[in-house]
Amino acid sequence: MTNKKILIVDTSAILSGKPIDFEEYILVTTTGVNDELKPGGREFHMFQLLKEKGLKTIAPAKKSIKQVEETAKTSGDIERLSKTDIELIALAYEFKKQGDTPVILTDDYSIQNVANILNLNYENFNQSKITKRFKWSYRCRGCGRIFKDVVKICPVCGSDTKKIVSSEKNIK
């Protein structure tokens, strides 16, 4: 699939019911998207129609998934991403490494944040795109200490922590 435009479709894009361009792109998704849609509903029928029109379902390699997970841990988005979200980003990462031009179709800001860090393209369909790249940390509600890693309970004072933006960068 070298040098072709590849549209990687998120579950939310299917759930939106908006038309998806078949002419300009090769449509791809992951098995996780299939698992998120329950048989019988309108969205499931839309998904089946997309598959009949050529939507391919591909599972990314474990190595790519690991790379995305590490990036999401660094940015603090790991808790905000589902397994399917990680697979979608990993699939885009693989296609880009092959020299293709993948675009992730999603309104999910955490997917967009991690994709931006990995220099992957993404498009929105209902909401506006992210304008800033965030890095998340955890701050203790009791003593105020800041933790880079996911910490639910402060090991110092035992209070709950709150997720905060520790840095942000404007996206061009």
N, C-alpha and C. Protein backbone atom coordinates (compact mmCIF):
# COMPACT_ATOMS: atom_id res chain seq x y z
N MET A 1 0.82 -1.20 0.00
CA MET A 1 0.00 0.00 0.00
C MET A 1 0.86 1.26 0.00
N THR A 2 1.93 1.29 -0.73
CA THR A 2 2.87 2.40 -0.67
C THR A 2 2.31 3.66 -1.30
N ASN A 3 2.58 4.80 -0.64
CA ASN A 3 2.22 6.14 -1.10
C ASN A 3 0.74 6.36 -1.37
N LYS A 4 -0.11 5.65 -0.71
CA LYS A 4 -1.54 5.86 -0.85
C LYS A 4 -2.05 6.54 0.41
N LYS A 5 -3.10 7.33 0.24
CA LYS A 5 -3.71 7.97 1.40
C LYS A 5 -4.56 6.93 2.12
N ILE A 6 -4.28 6.77 3.39
CA ILE A 6 -4.98 5.78 4.19
C ILE A 6 -5.73 6.49 5.30
N LEU A 7 -7.04 6.26 5.38
CA LEU A 7 -7.87 6.84 6.42
C LEU A 7 -8.14 5.77 7.47
N ILE A 8 -7.63 6.01 8.68
CA ILE A 8 -7.81 5.06 9.77
C ILE A 8 -9.01 5.53 10.58
N VAL A 9 -10.06 4.74 10.58
CA VAL A 9 -11.37 5.15 11.10
C VAL A 9 -11.56 4.72 12.55
N ASP A 10 -11.83 5.71 13.41
CA ASP A 10 -12.12 5.49 14.82
C ASP A 10 -13.60 5.12 14.99
N THR A 11 -13.93 4.46 16.07
CA THR A 11 -15.31 4.09 16.36
C THR A 11 -16.21 5.31 16.37
N SER A 12 -15.74 6.41 16.94
CA SER A 12 -16.57 7.62 17.03
C SER A 12 -16.94 8.16 15.65
N ALA A 13 -16.08 7.96 14.65
CA ALA A 13 -16.40 8.39 13.29
C ALA A 13 -17.56 7.57 12.73
N ILE A 14 -17.58 6.29 13.04
CA ILE A 14 -18.68 5.43 12.58
C ILE A 14 -19.95 5.79 13.32
N LEU A 15 -19.84 6.02 14.63
CA LEU A 15 -21.01 6.35 15.45
C LEU A 15 -21.62 7.69 15.04
N SER A 16 -20.82 8.58 14.46
CA SER A 16 -21.33 9.90 14.07
C SER A 16 -22.36 9.79 12.95
N GLY A 17 -22.28 8.74 12.14
CA GLY A 17 -23.21 8.59 11.03
C GLY A 17 -22.90 9.48 9.85
N LYS A 18 -21.82 10.26 9.94
CA LYS A 18 -21.45 11.14 8.83
C LYS A 18 -20.82 10.33 7.71
N PRO A 19 -20.99 10.78 6.46
CA PRO A 19 -20.40 10.04 5.33
C PRO A 19 -18.88 10.05 5.39
N ILE A 20 -18.28 8.96 4.96
CA ILE A 20 -16.82 8.83 4.94
C ILE A 20 -16.38 8.68 3.49
N ASP A 21 -15.34 9.41 3.11
CA ASP A 21 -14.86 9.48 1.73
C ASP A 21 -14.18 8.18 1.29
N PHE A 22 -14.79 7.51 0.30
CA PHE A 22 -14.22 6.28 -0.24
C PHE A 22 -13.34 6.54 -1.45
N GLU A 23 -13.51 7.68 -2.07
CA GLU A 23 -12.82 7.97 -3.32
C GLU A 23 -11.35 8.28 -3.12
N GLU A 24 -11.06 9.10 -2.11
CA GLU A 24 -9.71 9.62 -1.93
C GLU A 24 -8.82 8.71 -1.08
N TYR A 25 -9.42 7.85 -0.27
CA TYR A 25 -8.66 7.08 0.72
C TYR A 25 -8.91 5.58 0.62
N ILE A 26 -7.94 4.83 1.12
CA ILE A 26 -8.15 3.43 1.46
C ILE A 26 -8.61 3.46 2.92
N LEU A 27 -9.75 2.87 3.23
CA LEU A 27 -10.28 2.89 4.59
C LEU A 27 -9.79 1.69 5.37
N VAL A 28 -9.30 1.96 6.59
CA VAL A 28 -8.74 0.92 7.45
C VAL A 28 -9.20 1.17 8.88
N THR A 29 -9.37 0.11 9.64
CA THR A 29 -9.63 0.22 11.07
C THR A 29 -9.01 -1.00 11.75
N THR A 30 -9.20 -1.10 13.05
CA THR A 30 -8.65 -2.23 13.80
C THR A 30 -9.77 -3.16 14.26
N THR A 31 -9.37 -4.35 14.69
CA THR A 31 -10.36 -5.31 15.19
C THR A 31 -11.05 -4.76 16.44
N GLY A 32 -10.38 -3.89 17.17
CA GLY A 32 -10.98 -3.30 18.37
C GLY A 32 -12.23 -2.50 18.05
N VAL A 33 -12.26 -1.83 16.91
CA VAL A 33 -13.45 -1.07 16.51
C VAL A 33 -14.60 -2.03 16.29
N ASN A 34 -14.33 -3.14 15.63
CA ASN A 34 -15.35 -4.17 15.43
C ASN A 34 -15.91 -4.64 16.77
N ASP A 35 -15.05 -4.82 17.75
CA ASP A 35 -15.47 -5.30 19.07
C ASP A 35 -16.30 -4.27 19.84
N GLU A 36 -16.10 -2.98 19.54
CA GLU A 36 -16.84 -1.93 20.25
C GLU A 36 -18.27 -1.74 19.75
N LEU A 37 -18.57 -2.26 18.58
CA LEU A 37 -19.91 -2.09 18.00
C LEU A 37 -20.73 -3.36 18.21
N LYS A 38 -21.87 -3.19 18.84
CA LYS A 38 -22.75 -4.34 19.14
C LYS A 38 -23.61 -4.67 17.92
N PRO A 39 -23.71 -5.96 17.58
CA PRO A 39 -24.55 -6.37 16.45
C PRO A 39 -26.01 -5.92 16.63
N GLY A 40 -26.59 -5.50 15.51
CA GLY A 40 -28.02 -5.17 15.51
C GLY A 40 -28.34 -3.69 15.47
N GLY A 41 -27.49 -2.85 15.98
CA GLY A 41 -27.79 -1.42 16.01
C GLY A 41 -27.49 -0.72 14.70
N ARG A 42 -27.92 0.54 14.59
CA ARG A 42 -27.69 1.34 13.39
C ARG A 42 -26.20 1.48 13.10
N GLU A 43 -25.41 1.70 14.16
CA GLU A 43 -23.98 1.87 13.99
C GLU A 43 -23.32 0.60 13.47
N PHE A 44 -23.78 -0.55 13.97
CA PHE A 44 -23.24 -1.82 13.50
C PHE A 44 -23.54 -2.02 12.02
N HIS A 45 -24.76 -1.65 11.62
CA HIS A 45 -25.12 -1.77 10.20
C HIS A 45 -24.28 -0.83 9.34
N MET A 46 -24.01 0.39 9.86
CA MET A 46 -23.14 1.34 9.15
C MET A 46 -21.75 0.73 8.99
N PHE A 47 -21.25 0.10 10.06
CA PHE A 47 -19.94 -0.54 10.02
C PHE A 47 -19.91 -1.66 8.99
N GLN A 48 -20.96 -2.47 8.95
CA GLN A 48 -21.04 -3.56 7.97
C GLN A 48 -21.05 -3.00 6.55
N LEU A 49 -21.77 -1.89 6.35
CA LEU A 49 -21.81 -1.26 5.03
C LEU A 49 -20.41 -0.77 4.64
N LEU A 50 -19.71 -0.15 5.58
CA LEU A 50 -18.34 0.31 5.31
C LEU A 50 -17.44 -0.86 4.93
N LYS A 51 -17.59 -1.99 5.62
CA LYS A 51 -16.80 -3.18 5.29
C LYS A 51 -17.12 -3.69 3.89
N GLU A 52 -18.40 -3.67 3.54
CA GLU A 52 -18.79 -4.10 2.20
C GLU A 52 -18.22 -3.17 1.13
N LYS A 53 -18.07 -1.88 1.47
CA LYS A 53 -17.54 -0.89 0.53
C LYS A 53 -16.01 -0.91 0.47
N GLY A 54 -15.37 -1.71 1.34
CA GLY A 54 -13.92 -1.85 1.25
C GLY A 54 -13.13 -1.54 2.51
N LEU A 55 -13.80 -1.21 3.61
CA LEU A 55 -13.09 -0.96 4.87
C LEU A 55 -12.34 -2.22 5.28
N LYS A 56 -11.03 -2.08 5.46
CA LYS A 56 -10.20 -3.23 5.86
C LYS A 56 -9.97 -3.19 7.36
N THR A 57 -9.95 -4.36 7.98
CA THR A 57 -9.66 -4.47 9.40
C THR A 57 -8.28 -5.09 9.56
N ILE A 58 -7.38 -4.35 10.22
CA ILE A 58 -5.99 -4.79 10.36
C ILE A 58 -5.58 -4.66 11.83
N ALA A 59 -4.87 -5.67 12.32
CA ALA A 59 -4.32 -5.62 13.69
C ALA A 59 -2.87 -5.12 13.62
N PRO A 60 -2.53 -4.09 14.39
CA PRO A 60 -1.15 -3.61 14.38
C PRO A 60 -0.21 -4.57 15.11
N ALA A 61 1.06 -4.47 14.81
CA ALA A 61 2.07 -5.32 15.45
C ALA A 61 2.25 -4.89 16.91
N LYS A 62 2.63 -5.85 17.73
CA LYS A 62 2.86 -5.58 19.16
C LYS A 62 3.93 -4.51 19.38
N LYS A 63 4.93 -4.49 18.52
CA LYS A 63 6.01 -3.52 18.62
C LYS A 63 5.47 -2.09 18.46
N SER A 64 4.55 -1.91 17.52
CA SER A 64 3.95 -0.59 17.31
C SER A 64 3.05 -0.20 18.48
N ILE A 65 2.32 -1.16 19.00
CA ILE A 65 1.46 -0.91 20.16
C ILE A 65 2.32 -0.47 21.34
N LYS A 66 3.44 -1.16 21.54
CA LYS A 66 4.35 -0.81 22.65
C LYS A 66 4.88 0.62 22.49
N GLN A 67 5.24 1.02 21.27
CA GLN A 67 5.74 2.37 21.01
C GLN A 67 4.67 3.41 21.36
N VAL A 68 3.44 3.16 20.96
CA VAL A 68 2.34 4.09 21.25
C VAL A 68 2.09 4.14 22.76
N GLU A 69 2.11 3.00 23.42
CA GLU A 69 1.90 2.98 24.87
C GLU A 69 2.98 3.78 25.60
N GLU A 70 4.22 3.64 25.17
CA GLU A 70 5.32 4.40 25.79
C GLU A 70 5.13 5.90 25.57
N THR A 71 4.73 6.29 24.37
CA THR A 71 4.49 7.70 24.08
C THR A 71 3.33 8.22 24.93
N ALA A 72 2.27 7.42 25.04
CA ALA A 72 1.10 7.83 25.83
C ALA A 72 1.43 7.91 27.32
N LYS A 73 2.33 7.06 27.79
CA LYS A 73 2.76 7.14 29.19
C LYS A 73 3.54 8.43 29.42
N THR A 74 4.41 8.77 28.48
CA THR A 74 5.21 9.98 28.58
C THR A 74 4.34 11.23 28.59
N SER A 75 3.30 11.23 27.75
CA SER A 75 2.42 12.41 27.66
C SER A 75 1.38 12.44 28.78
N GLY A 76 1.18 11.29 29.43
CA GLY A 76 0.16 11.20 30.48
C GLY A 76 -1.21 10.83 29.94
N ASP A 77 -1.29 10.48 28.66
CA ASP A 77 -2.58 10.13 28.05
C ASP A 77 -2.95 8.65 28.20
N ILE A 78 -2.06 7.84 28.74
CA ILE A 78 -2.26 6.39 28.76
C ILE A 78 -3.58 5.98 29.41
N GLU A 79 -3.98 6.65 30.48
CA GLU A 79 -5.24 6.31 31.15
C GLU A 79 -6.46 6.75 30.35
N ARG A 80 -6.27 7.70 29.48
CA ARG A 80 -7.39 8.26 28.72
C ARG A 80 -7.64 7.50 27.42
N LEU A 81 -6.72 6.61 27.05
CA LEU A 81 -6.83 5.86 25.80
C LEU A 81 -7.30 4.44 26.05
N SER A 82 -8.24 3.99 25.24
CA SER A 82 -8.68 2.59 25.31
C SER A 82 -7.69 1.74 24.52
N LYS A 83 -7.84 0.44 24.64
CA LYS A 83 -7.01 -0.48 23.86
C LYS A 83 -7.20 -0.23 22.36
N THR A 84 -8.44 0.02 21.97
CA THR A 84 -8.74 0.31 20.56
C THR A 84 -8.08 1.60 20.11
N ASP A 85 -8.11 2.64 20.95
CA ASP A 85 -7.46 3.91 20.63
C ASP A 85 -5.97 3.70 20.36
N ILE A 86 -5.34 2.92 21.22
CA ILE A 86 -3.90 2.63 21.07
C ILE A 86 -3.65 1.87 19.78
N GLU A 87 -4.51 0.91 19.46
CA GLU A 87 -4.37 0.15 18.21
C GLU A 87 -4.48 1.06 16.99
N LEU A 88 -5.43 2.02 17.02
CA LEU A 88 -5.60 2.93 15.89
C LEU A 88 -4.34 3.76 15.65
N ILE A 89 -3.79 4.30 16.73
CA ILE A 89 -2.57 5.11 16.62
C ILE A 89 -1.42 4.23 16.14
N ALA A 90 -1.32 3.01 16.67
CA ALA A 90 -0.25 2.09 16.29
C ALA A 90 -0.35 1.72 14.81
N LEU A 91 -1.55 1.57 14.32
CA LEU A 91 -1.75 1.27 12.91
C LEU A 91 -1.26 2.43 12.03
N ALA A 92 -1.60 3.65 12.43
CA ALA A 92 -1.13 4.83 11.69
C ALA A 92 0.39 4.91 11.73
N TYR A 93 0.96 4.61 12.90
CA TYR A 93 2.41 4.62 13.08
C TYR A 93 3.08 3.63 12.13
N GLU A 94 2.50 2.44 12.00
CA GLU A 94 3.05 1.42 11.09
C GLU A 94 2.98 1.86 9.63
N PHE A 95 1.83 2.38 9.23
CA PHE A 95 1.68 2.82 7.85
C PHE A 95 2.67 3.93 7.52
N LYS A 96 2.85 4.86 8.45
CA LYS A 96 3.79 5.96 8.20
C LYS A 96 5.22 5.42 8.05
N LYS A 97 5.60 4.44 8.89
CA LYS A 97 6.93 3.84 8.79
C LYS A 97 7.14 3.16 7.44
N GLN A 98 6.05 2.68 6.82
CA GLN A 98 6.12 2.03 5.50
C GLN A 98 6.19 3.05 4.37
N GLY A 99 6.03 4.33 4.67
CA GLY A 99 6.06 5.36 3.64
C GLY A 99 4.70 5.78 3.13
N ASP A 100 3.65 5.27 3.75
CA ASP A 100 2.29 5.65 3.36
C ASP A 100 1.92 6.97 4.04
N THR A 101 0.73 7.47 3.71
CA THR A 101 0.23 8.72 4.29
C THR A 101 -1.05 8.42 5.08
N PRO A 102 -0.91 7.97 6.32
CA PRO A 102 -2.11 7.67 7.10
C PRO A 102 -2.71 8.93 7.74
N VAL A 103 -4.03 8.93 7.85
CA VAL A 103 -4.76 9.99 8.54
C VAL A 103 -5.75 9.30 9.47
N ILE A 104 -5.68 9.64 10.76
CA ILE A 104 -6.62 9.07 11.72
C ILE A 104 -7.86 9.96 11.76
N LEU A 105 -9.04 9.37 11.53
CA LEU A 105 -10.29 10.11 11.59
C LEU A 105 -10.88 9.94 12.98
N THR A 106 -10.78 11.01 13.80
CA THR A 106 -11.24 10.92 15.18
C THR A 106 -11.51 12.30 15.76
N ASP A 107 -12.42 12.35 16.71
CA ASP A 107 -12.66 13.56 17.49
C ASP A 107 -12.03 13.42 18.88
N ASP A 108 -11.43 12.29 19.18
CA ASP A 108 -10.86 12.02 20.49
C ASP A 108 -9.58 12.85 20.69
N TYR A 109 -9.60 13.74 21.67
CA TYR A 109 -8.47 14.64 21.90
C TYR A 109 -7.21 13.91 22.37
N SER A 110 -7.35 12.84 23.12
CA SER A 110 -6.17 12.10 23.56
C SER A 110 -5.51 11.37 22.39
N ILE A 111 -6.33 10.83 21.47
CA ILE A 111 -5.77 10.21 20.27
C ILE A 111 -5.02 11.28 19.48
N GLN A 112 -5.63 12.45 19.32
CA GLN A 112 -4.99 13.53 18.58
C GLN A 112 -3.70 13.98 19.26
N ASN A 113 -3.70 14.05 20.58
CA ASN A 113 -2.52 14.48 21.33
C ASN A 113 -1.35 13.53 21.08
N VAL A 114 -1.59 12.23 21.23
CA VAL A 114 -0.52 11.24 21.04
C VAL A 114 -0.11 11.19 19.57
N ALA A 115 -1.08 11.26 18.66
CA ALA A 115 -0.76 11.27 17.23
C ALA A 115 0.12 12.47 16.89
N ASN A 116 -0.17 13.62 17.47
CA ASN A 116 0.63 14.81 17.21
C ASN A 116 2.06 14.62 17.70
N ILE A 117 2.23 14.03 18.85
CA ILE A 117 3.57 13.77 19.39
C ILE A 117 4.35 12.85 18.46
N LEU A 118 3.66 11.88 17.86
CA LEU A 118 4.30 10.92 16.94
C LEU A 118 4.35 11.44 15.50
N ASN A 119 3.98 12.70 15.30
CA ASN A 119 3.96 13.31 13.97
C ASN A 119 3.07 12.56 12.98
N LEU A 120 1.90 12.14 13.48
CA LEU A 120 0.91 11.46 12.64
C LEU A 120 -0.21 12.44 12.31
N ASN A 121 -0.77 12.30 11.13
CA ASN A 121 -1.88 13.16 10.71
C ASN A 121 -3.20 12.65 11.28
N TYR A 122 -4.09 13.59 11.55
CA TYR A 122 -5.43 13.24 12.03
C TYR A 122 -6.40 14.29 11.52
N GLU A 123 -7.64 13.87 11.37
CA GLU A 123 -8.72 14.77 10.95
C GLU A 123 -9.88 14.59 11.91
N ASN A 124 -10.61 15.66 12.12
CA ASN A 124 -11.79 15.62 12.96
C ASN A 124 -13.03 15.59 12.07
N PHE A 125 -14.21 15.36 12.68
CA PHE A 125 -15.42 15.35 11.88
C PHE A 125 -16.58 16.07 12.56
N ASN A 126 -16.63 16.15 13.88
CA ASN A 126 -17.69 16.86 14.59
C ASN A 126 -17.16 18.02 15.41
N GLN A 127 -16.07 17.81 16.10
CA GLN A 127 -15.48 18.82 16.97
C GLN A 127 -14.26 19.42 16.29
N SER A 128 -13.78 20.54 16.83
CA SER A 128 -12.56 21.12 16.29
C SER A 128 -11.36 20.30 16.75
N LYS A 129 -10.27 20.40 15.98
CA LYS A 129 -9.04 19.69 16.33
C LYS A 129 -8.40 20.32 17.57
N ILE A 130 -7.48 19.60 18.17
CA ILE A 130 -6.74 20.17 19.29
C ILE A 130 -5.87 21.31 18.77
N THR A 131 -5.67 22.31 19.61
CA THR A 131 -4.82 23.44 19.24
C THR A 131 -3.55 23.47 20.08
N LYS A 132 -3.53 22.67 21.14
CA LYS A 132 -2.36 22.59 22.01
C LYS A 132 -2.06 21.12 22.30
N ARG A 133 -0.78 20.83 22.44
CA ARG A 133 -0.34 19.50 22.83
C ARG A 133 -0.13 19.53 24.33
N PHE A 134 -0.78 18.63 25.05
CA PHE A 134 -0.69 18.60 26.51
C PHE A 134 0.21 17.48 27.01
N LYS A 135 0.81 17.73 28.15
CA LYS A 135 1.50 16.70 28.91
C LYS A 135 0.82 16.72 30.28
N TRP A 136 0.42 15.55 30.75
CA TRP A 136 -0.35 15.44 31.98
C TRP A 136 0.51 14.94 33.13
N SER A 137 0.18 15.38 34.33
CA SER A 137 0.80 14.92 35.58
C SER A 137 -0.31 14.75 36.61
N TYR A 138 0.08 14.31 37.79
CA TYR A 138 -0.87 14.14 38.89
C TYR A 138 -0.41 14.98 40.07
N ARG A 139 -1.34 15.74 40.66
CA ARG A 139 -1.02 16.55 41.83
C ARG A 139 -1.85 16.06 43.01
N CYS A 140 -1.18 15.90 44.13
CA CYS A 140 -1.86 15.47 45.35
C CYS A 140 -2.77 16.59 45.83
N ARG A 141 -4.00 16.24 46.16
CA ARG A 141 -4.96 17.22 46.67
C ARG A 141 -4.62 17.63 48.09
N GLY A 142 -3.83 16.80 48.79
CA GLY A 142 -3.48 17.10 50.18
C GLY A 142 -2.21 17.92 50.30
N CYS A 143 -1.08 17.33 49.92
CA CYS A 143 0.21 17.99 50.12
C CYS A 143 0.72 18.75 48.90
N GLY A 144 0.05 18.58 47.74
CA GLY A 144 0.42 19.34 46.56
C GLY A 144 1.58 18.78 45.74
N ARG A 145 2.11 17.63 46.14
CA ARG A 145 3.21 17.05 45.36
C ARG A 145 2.75 16.68 43.96
N ILE A 146 3.69 16.76 43.03
CA ILE A 146 3.40 16.45 41.63
C ILE A 146 4.09 15.14 41.26
N PHE A 147 3.34 14.29 40.53
CA PHE A 147 3.85 13.00 40.09
C PHE A 147 3.74 12.91 38.58
N LYS A 148 4.81 12.48 37.91
CA LYS A 148 4.79 12.33 36.45
C LYS A 148 4.04 11.06 36.05
N ASP A 149 4.18 10.01 36.85
CA ASP A 149 3.52 8.74 36.55
C ASP A 149 2.11 8.74 37.13
N VAL A 150 1.29 7.77 36.69
CA VAL A 150 -0.07 7.64 37.19
C VAL A 150 -0.02 7.24 38.66
N VAL A 151 -0.51 8.14 39.50
CA VAL A 151 -0.58 7.90 40.94
C VAL A 151 -1.97 8.32 41.39
N LYS A 152 -2.76 7.37 41.90
CA LYS A 152 -4.12 7.67 42.34
C LYS A 152 -4.15 8.17 43.79
N ILE A 153 -3.31 7.57 44.62
CA ILE A 153 -3.22 7.94 46.04
C ILE A 153 -1.79 8.37 46.32
N CYS A 154 -1.65 9.52 46.95
CA CYS A 154 -0.32 10.05 47.26
C CYS A 154 0.40 9.13 48.24
N PRO A 155 1.61 8.68 47.89
CA PRO A 155 2.37 7.81 48.79
C PRO A 155 2.93 8.56 50.01
N VAL A 156 2.88 9.88 49.97
CA VAL A 156 3.41 10.69 51.06
C VAL A 156 2.34 10.94 52.14
N CYS A 157 1.16 11.44 51.70
CA CYS A 157 0.14 11.81 52.69
C CYS A 157 -1.14 10.99 52.60
N GLY A 158 -1.28 10.19 51.55
CA GLY A 158 -2.45 9.32 51.43
C GLY A 158 -3.68 9.97 50.82
N SER A 159 -3.57 11.20 50.36
CA SER A 159 -4.71 11.88 49.74
C SER A 159 -4.86 11.45 48.28
N ASP A 160 -6.06 11.70 47.72
CA ASP A 160 -6.29 11.46 46.30
C ASP A 160 -5.48 12.44 45.47
N THR A 161 -5.19 12.04 44.24
CA THR A 161 -4.51 12.96 43.32
C THR A 161 -5.48 13.42 42.25
N LYS A 162 -5.10 14.49 41.60
CA LYS A 162 -5.90 15.06 40.52
C LYS A 162 -5.01 15.18 39.29
N LYS A 163 -5.56 14.83 38.14
CA LYS A 163 -4.82 14.95 36.88
C LYS A 163 -4.78 16.43 36.50
N ILE A 164 -3.57 16.92 36.16
CA ILE A 164 -3.40 18.32 35.78
C ILE A 164 -2.54 18.41 34.52
N VAL A 165 -2.65 19.51 33.82
CA VAL A 165 -1.79 19.78 32.68
C VAL A 165 -0.48 20.31 33.23
N SER A 166 0.61 19.58 32.99
CA SER A 166 1.91 20.02 33.50
C SER A 166 2.66 20.87 32.48
N SER A 167 2.34 20.70 31.20
CA SER A 167 2.90 21.58 30.17
C SER A 167 2.01 21.52 28.94
N GLU A 168 2.06 22.60 28.18
CA GLU A 168 1.31 22.65 26.94
C GLU A 168 2.12 23.35 25.88
N LYS A 169 1.90 22.95 24.64
CA LYS A 169 2.63 23.52 23.52
C LYS A 169 1.63 23.79 22.40
N ASN A 170 1.65 24.98 21.84
CA ASN A 170 0.77 25.31 20.74
C ASN A 170 1.09 24.44 19.52
N ILE A 171 0.06 24.02 18.82
CA ILE A 171 0.22 23.24 17.60
C ILE A 171 0.06 24.20 16.44
N LYS A 172 0.95 24.13 15.50
CA LYS A 172 0.91 25.03 14.34
C LYS A 172 -0.20 24.65 13.38
